[in-house]
Amino acid sequence: TRLEGRVALITGAASGIGRATAERLASEGATVVVTDVQDEAGEE
């Protein structure tokens, strides 16, 4: 939980490296802000 209590904004986070990064940072305790232009994939 190295990122407990922290907020991370990730661009292009609906797929690929961005999504994997969102998953990893969330697993380490961060609140993740997923940003993208692919709204459906981002919401998913």
All heavy atoms as atom14 arrays in JSON, in Angstrom:
{
  "sequence": "TRLEGRVALITGAASGIGRATAERLASEGATVVVTDVQDEAGEE",
  "atom14_mask": [
    [1, 1, 1, 1, 1, 1, 1, 0, 0, 0, 0, 0, 0, 0],
    [1, 1, 1, 1, 1, 1, 1, 1, 1, 1, 1, 0, 0, 0],
    [1, 1, 1, 1, 1, 1, 1, 1, 0, 0, 0, 0, 0, 0],
    [1, 1, 1, 1, 1, 1, 1, 1, 1, 0, 0, 0, 0, 0],
    [1, 1, 1, 1, 0, 0, 0, 0, 0, 0, 0, 0, 0, 0],
    [1, 1, 1, 1, 1, 1, 1, 1, 1, 1, 1, 0, 0, 0],
    [1, 1, 1, 1, 1, 1, 1, 0, 0, 0, 0, 0, 0, 0],
    [1, 1, 1, 1, 1, 0, 0, 0, 0, 0, 0, 0, 0, 0],
    [1, 1, 1, 1, 1, 1, 1, 1, 0, 0, 0, 0, 0, 0],
    [1, 1, 1, 1, 1, 1, 1, 1, 0, 0, 0, 0, 0, 0],
    [1, 1, 1, 1, 1, 1, 1, 0, 0, 0, 0, 0, 0, 0],
    [1, 1, 1, 1, 0, 0, 0, 0, 0, 0, 0, 0, 0, 0],
    [1, 1, 1, 1, 1, 0, 0, 0, 0, 0, 0, 0, 0, 0],
    [1, 1, 1, 1, 1, 0, 0, 0, 0, 0, 0, 0, 0, 0],
    [1, 1, 1, 1, 1, 1, 0, 0, 0, 0, 0, 0, 0, 0],
    [1, 1, 1, 1, 0, 0, 0, 0, 0, 0, 0, 0, 0, 0],
    [1, 1, 1, 1, 1, 1, 1, 1, 0, 0, 0, 0, 0, 0],
    [1, 1, 1, 1, 0, 0, 0, 0, 0, 0, 0, 0, 0, 0],
    [1, 1, 1, 1, 1, 1, 1, 1, 1, 1, 1, 0, 0, 0],
    [1, 1, 1, 1, 1, 0, 0, 0, 0, 0, 0, 0, 0, 0],
    [1, 1, 1, 1, 1, 1, 1, 0, 0, 0, 0, 0, 0, 0],
    [1, 1, 1, 1, 1, 0, 0, 0, 0, 0, 0, 0, 0, 0],
    [1, 1, 1, 1, 1, 1, 1, 1, 1, 0, 0, 0, 0, 0],
    [1, 1, 1, 1, 1, 1, 1, 1, 1, 1, 1, 0, 0, 0],
    [1, 1, 1, 1, 1, 1, 1, 1, 0, 0, 0, 0, 0, 0],
    [1, 1, 1, 1, 1, 0, 0, 0, 0, 0, 0, 0, 0, 0],
    [1, 1, 1, 1, 1, 1, 0, 0, 0, 0, 0, 0, 0, 0],
    [1, 1, 1, 1, 1, 1, 1, 1, 1, 0, 0, 0, 0, 0],
    [1, 1, 1, 1, 0, 0, 0, 0, 0, 0, 0, 0, 0, 0],
    [1, 1, 1, 1, 1, 0, 0, 0, 0, 0, 0, 0, 0, 0],
    [1, 1, 1, 1, 1, 1, 1, 0, 0, 0, 0, 0, 0, 0],
    [1, 1, 1, 1, 1, 1, 1, 0, 0, 0, 0, 0, 0, 0],
    [1, 1, 1, 1, 1, 1, 1, 0, 0, 0, 0, 0, 0, 0],
    [1, 1, 1, 1, 1, 1, 1, 0, 0, 0, 0, 0, 0, 0],
    [1, 1, 1, 1, 1, 1, 1, 0, 0, 0, 0, 0, 0, 0],
    [1, 1, 1, 1, 1, 1, 1, 1, 0, 0, 0, 0, 0, 0],
    [1, 1, 1, 1, 1, 1, 1, 0, 0, 0, 0, 0, 0, 0],
    [1, 1, 1, 1, 1, 1, 1, 1, 1, 0, 0, 0, 0, 0],
    [1, 1, 1, 1, 1, 1, 1, 1, 0, 0, 0, 0, 0, 0],
    [1, 1, 1, 1, 1, 1, 1, 1, 1, 0, 0, 0, 0, 0],
    [1, 1, 1, 1, 1, 0, 0, 0, 0, 0, 0, 0, 0, 0],
    [1, 1, 1, 1, 0, 0, 0, 0, 0, 0, 0, 0, 0, 0],
    [1, 1, 1, 1, 1, 1, 1, 1, 1, 0, 0, 0, 0, 0],
    [1, 1, 1, 1, 1, 1, 1, 1, 1, 0, 0, 0, 0, 0]
  ],
  "atom14_positions": [
    [[0.85, -1.19, 0.0], [0.0, 0.0, 0.0], [0.89, 1.24, 0.0], [0.7, 2.16, 0.8], [-0.94, 0.01, 1.21], [-0.16, -0.12, 2.41], [-1.94, -1.13, 1.13], [0.0, 0.0, 0.0], [0.0, 0.0, 0.0], [0.0, 0.0, 0.0], [0.0, 0.0, 0.0], [0.0, 0.0, 0.0], [0.0, 0.0, 0.0], [0.0, 0.0, 0.0]],
    [[1.85, 1.28, -0.92], [2.8, 2.39, -0.97], [2.13, 3.71, -1.33], [2.69, 4.78, -1.06], [3.9, 2.1, -2.0], [4.82, 0.95, -1.63], [5.93, 0.81, -2.65], [5.43, 0.38, -3.96], [6.24, 0.13, -5.01], [7.54, 0.31, -4.89], [5.73, -0.27, -6.15], [0.0, 0.0, 0.0], [0.0, 0.0, 0.0], [0.0, 0.0, 0.0]],
    [[0.95, 3.64, -1.93], [0.28, 4.85, -2.41], [-1.01, 5.13, -1.66], [-1.87, 5.87, -2.15], [0.02, 4.74, -3.92], [1.28, 4.54, -4.77], [0.91, 4.31, -6.22], [2.22, 5.73, -4.64], [0.0, 0.0, 0.0], [0.0, 0.0, 0.0], [0.0, 0.0, 0.0], [0.0, 0.0, 0.0], [0.0, 0.0, 0.0], [0.0, 0.0, 0.0]],
    [[-1.13, 4.58, -0.49], [-2.34, 4.79, 0.32], [-2.56, 6.27, 0.56], [-1.65, 7.02, 0.94], [-2.18, 4.08, 1.67], [-3.46, 4.04, 2.49], [-4.49, 3.06, 1.93], [-4.09, 1.97, 1.49], [-5.68, 3.42, 1.95], [0.0, 0.0, 0.0], [0.0, 0.0, 0.0], [0.0, 0.0, 0.0], [0.0, 0.0, 0.0], [0.0, 0.0, 0.0]],
    [[-3.8, 6.73, 0.31], [-4.17, 8.11, 0.56], [-3.79, 9.09, -0.53], [-4.05, 10.29, -0.41], [0.0, 0.0, 0.0], [0.0, 0.0, 0.0], [0.0, 0.0, 0.0], [0.0, 0.0, 0.0], [0.0, 0.0, 0.0], [0.0, 0.0, 0.0], [0.0, 0.0, 0.0], [0.0, 0.0, 0.0], [0.0, 0.0, 0.0], [0.0, 0.0, 0.0]],
    [[-3.2, 8.59, -1.61], [-2.77, 9.49, -2.68], [-3.71, 9.4, -3.89], [-4.39, 8.39, -4.09], [-1.34, 9.18, -3.09], [-0.4, 9.38, -1.92], [1.05, 9.24, -2.23], [1.81, 9.19, -0.98], [3.1, 9.01, -0.91], [3.81, 8.86, -2.03], [3.71, 8.96, 0.26], [0.0, 0.0, 0.0], [0.0, 0.0, 0.0], [0.0, 0.0, 0.0]],
    [[-3.72, 10.46, -4.66], [-4.58, 10.55, -5.83], [-3.7, 10.63, -7.07], [-2.79, 11.47, -7.14], [-5.5, 11.78, -5.75], [-6.33, 11.91, -7.02], [-6.4, 11.69, -4.52], [0.0, 0.0, 0.0], [0.0, 0.0, 0.0], [0.0, 0.0, 0.0], [0.0, 0.0, 0.0], [0.0, 0.0, 0.0], [0.0, 0.0, 0.0], [0.0, 0.0, 0.0]],
    [[-3.97, 9.75, -8.03], [-3.17, 9.68, -9.26], [-4.05, 9.89, -10.48], [-5.08, 9.22, -10.63], [-2.48, 8.32, -9.35], [0.0, 0.0, 0.0], [0.0, 0.0, 0.0], [0.0, 0.0, 0.0], [0.0, 0.0, 0.0], [0.0, 0.0, 0.0], [0.0, 0.0, 0.0], [0.0, 0.0, 0.0], [0.0, 0.0, 0.0], [0.0, 0.0, 0.0]],
    [[-3.67, 10.81, -11.33], [-4.36, 11.04, -12.59], [-3.53, 10.42, -13.71], [-2.34, 10.7, -13.84], [-4.54, 12.55, -12.82], [-5.39, 12.97, -14.02], [-5.98, 14.36, -13.79], [-4.61, 12.97, -15.34], [0.0, 0.0, 0.0], [0.0, 0.0, 0.0], [0.0, 0.0, 0.0], [0.0, 0.0, 0.0], [0.0, 0.0, 0.0], [0.0, 0.0, 0.0]],
    [[-4.19, 9.58, -14.5], [-3.51, 8.85, -15.57], [-4.21, 9.16, -16.89], [-5.44, 8.98, -17.01], [-3.55, 7.33, -15.33], [-3.02, 7.0, -13.94], [-2.77, 6.59, -16.41], [-3.35, 5.59, -13.48], [0.0, 0.0, 0.0], [0.0, 0.0, 0.0], [0.0, 0.0, 0.0], [0.0, 0.0, 0.0], [0.0, 0.0, 0.0], [0.0, 0.0, 0.0]],
    [[-3.46, 9.62, -17.88], [-4.06, 9.88, -19.19], [-3.99, 8.63, -20.06], [-3.12, 7.78, -19.88], [-3.36, 11.05, -19.9], [-2.02, 10.68, -20.25], [-3.35, 12.29, -19.02], [0.0, 0.0, 0.0], [0.0, 0.0, 0.0], [0.0, 0.0, 0.0], [0.0, 0.0, 0.0], [0.0, 0.0, 0.0], [0.0, 0.0, 0.0], [0.0, 0.0, 0.0]],
    [[-4.94, 8.54, -20.98], [-4.99, 7.36, -21.85], [-5.15, 6.08, -21.06], [-4.56, 5.04, -21.4], [0.0, 0.0, 0.0], [0.0, 0.0, 0.0], [0.0, 0.0, 0.0], [0.0, 0.0, 0.0], [0.0, 0.0, 0.0], [0.0, 0.0, 0.0], [0.0, 0.0, 0.0], [0.0, 0.0, 0.0], [0.0, 0.0, 0.0], [0.0, 0.0, 0.0]],
    [[-5.96, 6.12, -20.03], [-6.04, 5.01, -19.06], [-7.16, 4.04, -19.33], [-7.42, 3.15, -18.52], [-6.16, 5.57, -17.64], [0.0, 0.0, 0.0], [0.0, 0.0, 0.0], [0.0, 0.0, 0.0], [0.0, 0.0, 0.0], [0.0, 0.0, 0.0], [0.0, 0.0, 0.0], [0.0, 0.0, 0.0], [0.0, 0.0, 0.0], [0.0, 0.0, 0.0]],
    [[-7.85, 4.16, -20.47], [-8.96, 3.26, -20.75], [-8.52, 1.9, -21.26], [-9.3, 0.94, -21.25], [-9.91, 3.89, -21.77], [0.0, 0.0, 0.0], [0.0, 0.0, 0.0], [0.0, 0.0, 0.0], [0.0, 0.0, 0.0], [0.0, 0.0, 0.0], [0.0, 0.0, 0.0], [0.0, 0.0, 0.0], [0.0, 0.0, 0.0], [0.0, 0.0, 0.0]],
    [[-7.25, 1.79, -21.7], [-6.79, 0.53, -22.27], [-5.27, 0.46, -22.21], [-4.6, 1.45, -21.88], [-7.26, 0.39, -23.73], [-6.73, 1.44, -24.52], [0.0, 0.0, 0.0], [0.0, 0.0, 0.0], [0.0, 0.0, 0.0], [0.0, 0.0, 0.0], [0.0, 0.0, 0.0], [0.0, 0.0, 0.0], [0.0, 0.0, 0.0], [0.0, 0.0, 0.0]],
    [[-4.73, -0.7, -22.54], [-3.29, -0.87, -22.69], [-2.49, -0.54, -21.45], [-2.87, -0.89, -20.32], [0.0, 0.0, 0.0], [0.0, 0.0, 0.0], [0.0, 0.0, 0.0], [0.0, 0.0, 0.0], [0.0, 0.0, 0.0], [0.0, 0.0, 0.0], [0.0, 0.0, 0.0], [0.0, 0.0, 0.0], [0.0, 0.0, 0.0], [0.0, 0.0, 0.0]],
    [[-1.37, 0.13, -21.66], [-0.48, 0.48, -20.55], [-1.19, 1.36, -19.54], [-0.99, 1.22, -18.32], [0.79, 1.17, -21.09], [1.66, 0.17, -21.86], [1.58, 1.82, -19.96], [2.81, 0.81, -22.62], [0.0, 0.0, 0.0], [0.0, 0.0, 0.0], [0.0, 0.0, 0.0], [0.0, 0.0, 0.0], [0.0, 0.0, 0.0], [0.0, 0.0, 0.0]],
    [[-2.03, 2.28, -20.01], [-2.74, 3.17, -19.1], [-3.66, 2.42, -18.16], [-3.7, 2.7, -16.96], [0.0, 0.0, 0.0], [0.0, 0.0, 0.0], [0.0, 0.0, 0.0], [0.0, 0.0, 0.0], [0.0, 0.0, 0.0], [0.0, 0.0, 0.0], [0.0, 0.0, 0.0], [0.0, 0.0, 0.0], [0.0, 0.0, 0.0], [0.0, 0.0, 0.0]],
    [[-4.4, 1.45, -18.7], [-5.3, 0.68, -17.84], [-4.5, -0.17, -16.86], [-4.86, -0.26, -15.67], [-6.22, -0.2, -18.67], [-7.11, -1.07, -17.8], [-8.28, -1.66, -18.53], [-9.06, -2.52, -17.63], [-10.33, -2.85, -17.83], [-10.98, -2.39, -18.87], [-10.96, -3.62, -16.97], [0.0, 0.0, 0.0], [0.0, 0.0, 0.0], [0.0, 0.0, 0.0]],
    [[-3.45, -0.81, -17.33], [-2.62, -1.62, -16.43], [-2.04, -0.76, -15.31], [-1.94, -1.19, -14.16], [-1.5, -2.3, -17.22], [0.0, 0.0, 0.0], [0.0, 0.0, 0.0], [0.0, 0.0, 0.0], [0.0, 0.0, 0.0], [0.0, 0.0, 0.0], [0.0, 0.0, 0.0], [0.0, 0.0, 0.0], [0.0, 0.0, 0.0], [0.0, 0.0, 0.0]],
    [[-1.68, 0.47, -15.64], [-1.15, 1.39, -14.63], [-2.23, 1.77, -13.62], [-1.97, 1.8, -12.41], [-0.58, 2.65, -15.31], [0.5, 2.27, -16.16], [-0.11, 3.66, -14.3], [0.0, 0.0, 0.0], [0.0, 0.0, 0.0], [0.0, 0.0, 0.0], [0.0, 0.0, 0.0], [0.0, 0.0, 0.0], [0.0, 0.0, 0.0], [0.0, 0.0, 0.0]],
    [[-3.43, 2.03, -14.11], [-4.53, 2.34, -13.19], [-4.77, 1.18, -12.23], [-4.96, 1.38, -11.02], [-5.79, 2.65, -13.98], [0.0, 0.0, 0.0], [0.0, 0.0, 0.0], [0.0, 0.0, 0.0], [0.0, 0.0, 0.0], [0.0, 0.0, 0.0], [0.0, 0.0, 0.0], [0.0, 0.0, 0.0], [0.0, 0.0, 0.0], [0.0, 0.0, 0.0]],
    [[-4.75, -0.03, -12.75], [-4.97, -1.21, -11.91], [-3.87, -1.36, -10.87], [-4.13, -1.65, -9.69], [-5.06, -2.45, -12.78], [-6.31, -2.49, -13.66], [-6.28, -3.59, -14.71], [-5.19, -4.17, -14.94], [-7.33, -3.85, -15.32], [0.0, 0.0, 0.0], [0.0, 0.0, 0.0], [0.0, 0.0, 0.0], [0.0, 0.0, 0.0], [0.0, 0.0, 0.0]],
    [[-2.62, -1.14, -11.28], [-1.51, -1.3, -10.35], [-1.51, -0.23, -9.26], [-1.35, -0.53, -8.07], [-0.18, -1.27, -11.12], [1.06, -1.38, -10.24], [1.09, -2.69, -9.43], [2.21, -2.73, -8.54], [3.35, -3.42, -8.79], [3.49, -4.06, -9.95], [4.32, -3.44, -7.91], [0.0, 0.0, 0.0], [0.0, 0.0, 0.0], [0.0, 0.0, 0.0]],
    [[-1.72, 1.02, -9.64], [-1.72, 2.08, -8.63], [-2.89, 1.93, -7.67], [-2.75, 2.17, -6.46], [-1.74, 3.45, -9.3], [-0.57, 3.8, -10.23], [-0.59, 5.28, -10.58], [0.77, 3.4, -9.63], [0.0, 0.0, 0.0], [0.0, 0.0, 0.0], [0.0, 0.0, 0.0], [0.0, 0.0, 0.0], [0.0, 0.0, 0.0], [0.0, 0.0, 0.0]],
    [[-4.04, 1.51, -8.19], [-5.18, 1.26, -7.31], [-4.88, 0.13, -6.34], [-5.25, 0.19, -5.16], [-6.42, 0.94, -8.14], [0.0, 0.0, 0.0], [0.0, 0.0, 0.0], [0.0, 0.0, 0.0], [0.0, 0.0, 0.0], [0.0, 0.0, 0.0], [0.0, 0.0, 0.0], [0.0, 0.0, 0.0], [0.0, 0.0, 0.0], [0.0, 0.0, 0.0]],
    [[-4.22, -0.91, -6.82], [-3.89, -2.04, -5.95], [-2.93, -1.65, -4.84], [-2.84, -2.32, -3.81], [-3.29, -3.19, -6.77], [-1.94, -2.92, -7.14], [0.0, 0.0, 0.0], [0.0, 0.0, 0.0], [0.0, 0.0, 0.0], [0.0, 0.0, 0.0], [0.0, 0.0, 0.0], [0.0, 0.0, 0.0], [0.0, 0.0, 0.0], [0.0, 0.0, 0.0]],
    [[-2.19, -0.55, -5.05], [-1.26, -0.08, -4.03], [-1.87, 1.04, -3.18], [-1.17, 1.71, -2.43], [0.04, 0.39, -4.69], [0.76, -0.76, -5.39], [2.26, -0.63, -5.37], [2.78, 0.13, -4.52], [2.91, -1.29, -6.18], [0.0, 0.0, 0.0], [0.0, 0.0, 0.0], [0.0, 0.0, 0.0], [0.0, 0.0, 0.0], [0.0, 0.0, 0.0]],
    [[-3.18, 1.22, -3.29], [-3.88, 2.1, -2.38], [-4.27, 3.45, -2.91], [-4.93, 4.23, -2.22], [0.0, 0.0, 0.0], [0.0, 0.0, 0.0], [0.0, 0.0, 0.0], [0.0, 0.0, 0.0], [0.0, 0.0, 0.0], [0.0, 0.0, 0.0], [0.0, 0.0, 0.0], [0.0, 0.0, 0.0], [0.0, 0.0, 0.0], [0.0, 0.0, 0.0]],
    [[-3.89, 3.78, -4.15], [-4.19, 5.11, -4.68], [-5.63, 5.23, -5.12], [-6.26, 4.26, -5.57], [-3.28, 5.41, -5.87], [0.0, 0.0, 0.0], [0.0, 0.0, 0.0], [0.0, 0.0, 0.0], [0.0, 0.0, 0.0], [0.0, 0.0, 0.0], [0.0, 0.0, 0.0], [0.0, 0.0, 0.0], [0.0, 0.0, 0.0], [0.0, 0.0, 0.0]],
    [[-6.16, 6.42, -5.0], [-7.38, 6.79, -5.71], [-6.96, 7.14, -7.12], [-6.08, 7.97, -7.32], [-8.06, 8.0, -5.05], [-8.54, 7.62, -3.77], [-9.21, 8.5, -5.9], [0.0, 0.0, 0.0], [0.0, 0.0, 0.0], [0.0, 0.0, 0.0], [0.0, 0.0, 0.0], [0.0, 0.0, 0.0], [0.0, 0.0, 0.0], [0.0, 0.0, 0.0]],
    [[-7.58, 6.49, -8.1], [-7.15, 6.62, -9.48], [-8.17, 7.42, -10.28], [-9.36, 7.12, -10.26], [-6.95, 5.23, -10.12], [-6.62, 5.37, -11.6], [-5.83, 4.48, -9.4], [0.0, 0.0, 0.0], [0.0, 0.0, 0.0], [0.0, 0.0, 0.0], [0.0, 0.0, 0.0], [0.0, 0.0, 0.0], [0.0, 0.0, 0.0], [0.0, 0.0, 0.0]],
    [[-7.67, 8.45, -10.98], [-8.49, 9.22, -11.9], [-8.15, 8.75, -13.3], [-7.06, 9.01, -13.82], [-8.22, 10.72, -11.76], [-9.13, 11.51, -12.7], [-8.41, 11.18, -10.31], [0.0, 0.0, 0.0], [0.0, 0.0, 0.0], [0.0, 0.0, 0.0], [0.0, 0.0, 0.0], [0.0, 0.0, 0.0], [0.0, 0.0, 0.0], [0.0, 0.0, 0.0]],
    [[-9.06, 7.99, -13.89], [-8.88, 7.46, -15.24], [-9.34, 8.52, -16.23], [-10.49, 8.96, -16.19], [-9.71, 6.17, -15.42], [-9.71, 5.71, -16.87], [-9.19, 5.08, -14.5], [0.0, 0.0, 0.0], [0.0, 0.0, 0.0], [0.0, 0.0, 0.0], [0.0, 0.0, 0.0], [0.0, 0.0, 0.0], [0.0, 0.0, 0.0], [0.0, 0.0, 0.0]],
    [[-8.45, 8.96, -17.11], [-8.84, 9.93, -18.13], [-8.56, 9.36, -19.52], [-7.61, 8.61, -19.72], [-8.12, 11.27, -17.98], [-6.77, 11.16, -18.45], [-8.13, 11.74, -16.54], [0.0, 0.0, 0.0], [0.0, 0.0, 0.0], [0.0, 0.0, 0.0], [0.0, 0.0, 0.0], [0.0, 0.0, 0.0], [0.0, 0.0, 0.0], [0.0, 0.0, 0.0]],
    [[-9.43, 9.73, -20.46], [-9.3, 9.23, -21.83], [-10.32, 9.97, -22.69], [-11.14, 10.73, -22.16], [-9.55, 7.72, -21.88], [-8.74, 7.02, -22.97], [-8.94, 7.35, -24.15], [-7.93, 6.13, -22.64], [0.0, 0.0, 0.0], [0.0, 0.0, 0.0], [0.0, 0.0, 0.0], [0.0, 0.0, 0.0], [0.0, 0.0, 0.0], [0.0, 0.0, 0.0]],
    [[-10.27, 9.72, -23.98], [-11.34, 10.18, -24.88], [-12.28, 9.03, -25.22], [-13.33, 9.24, -25.83], [-10.78, 10.8, -26.18], [-10.03, 12.09, -25.86], [-9.89, 9.81, -26.92], [0.0, 0.0, 0.0], [0.0, 0.0, 0.0], [0.0, 0.0, 0.0], [0.0, 0.0, 0.0], [0.0, 0.0, 0.0], [0.0, 0.0, 0.0], [0.0, 0.0, 0.0]],
    [[-11.91, 7.82, -24.83], [-12.76, 6.64, -25.03], [-13.66, 6.49, -23.81], [-13.33, 5.79, -22.86], [-11.9, 5.39, -25.2], [-10.9, 5.45, -26.35], [-10.05, 4.19, -26.4], [-10.48, 3.15, -26.89], [-8.84, 4.29, -25.88], [0.0, 0.0, 0.0], [0.0, 0.0, 0.0], [0.0, 0.0, 0.0], [0.0, 0.0, 0.0], [0.0, 0.0, 0.0]],
    [[-14.79, 7.17, -23.83], [-15.62, 7.26, -22.64], [-16.15, 5.91, -22.18], [-16.13, 5.61, -20.98], [-16.78, 8.23, -22.88], [-16.3, 9.66, -23.1], [-15.22, 10.0, -22.6], [-17.0, 10.43, -23.78], [0.0, 0.0, 0.0], [0.0, 0.0, 0.0], [0.0, 0.0, 0.0], [0.0, 0.0, 0.0], [0.0, 0.0, 0.0], [0.0, 0.0, 0.0]],
    [[-16.65, 5.11, -23.1], [-17.22, 3.82, -22.69], [-16.16, 2.92, -22.07], [-16.39, 2.32, -21.01], [-17.85, 3.13, -23.9], [-18.57, 1.83, -23.56], [-19.29, 1.22, -24.74], [-19.44, 1.9, -25.78], [-19.69, 0.04, -24.64], [0.0, 0.0, 0.0], [0.0, 0.0, 0.0], [0.0, 0.0, 0.0], [0.0, 0.0, 0.0], [0.0, 0.0, 0.0]],
    [[-15.01, 2.84, -22.71], [-13.93, 2.01, -22.16], [-13.41, 2.58, -20.85], [-13.05, 1.83, -19.93], [-12.79, 1.9, -23.18], [0.0, 0.0, 0.0], [0.0, 0.0, 0.0], [0.0, 0.0, 0.0], [0.0, 0.0, 0.0], [0.0, 0.0, 0.0], [0.0, 0.0, 0.0], [0.0, 0.0, 0.0], [0.0, 0.0, 0.0], [0.0, 0.0, 0.0]],
    [[-13.37, 3.91, -20.74], [-12.92, 4.51, -19.5], [-13.86, 4.24, -18.35], [-13.42, 3.91, -17.23], [0.0, 0.0, 0.0], [0.0, 0.0, 0.0], [0.0, 0.0, 0.0], [0.0, 0.0, 0.0], [0.0, 0.0, 0.0], [0.0, 0.0, 0.0], [0.0, 0.0, 0.0], [0.0, 0.0, 0.0], [0.0, 0.0, 0.0], [0.0, 0.0, 0.0]],
    [[-15.16, 4.34, -18.6], [-16.15, 4.04, -17.56], [-16.08, 2.57, -17.16], [-16.23, 2.22, -15.98], [-17.55, 4.41, -18.04], [-17.77, 5.9, -18.27], [-17.95, 6.68, -16.98], [-17.74, 6.12, -15.89], [-18.3, 7.88, -17.08], [0.0, 0.0, 0.0], [0.0, 0.0, 0.0], [0.0, 0.0, 0.0], [0.0, 0.0, 0.0], [0.0, 0.0, 0.0]],
    [[-15.83, 1.71, -18.14], [-15.74, 0.27, -17.84], [-14.51, -0.02, -16.98], [-14.55, -0.84, -16.06], [-15.67, -0.52, -19.14], [-15.82, -2.03, -18.97], [-14.53, -2.71, -18.55], [-13.45, -2.28, -19.0], [-14.6, -3.69, -17.76], [0.0, 0.0, 0.0], [0.0, 0.0, 0.0], [0.0, 0.0, 0.0], [0.0, 0.0, 0.0], [0.0, 0.0, 0.0]]
  ]
}
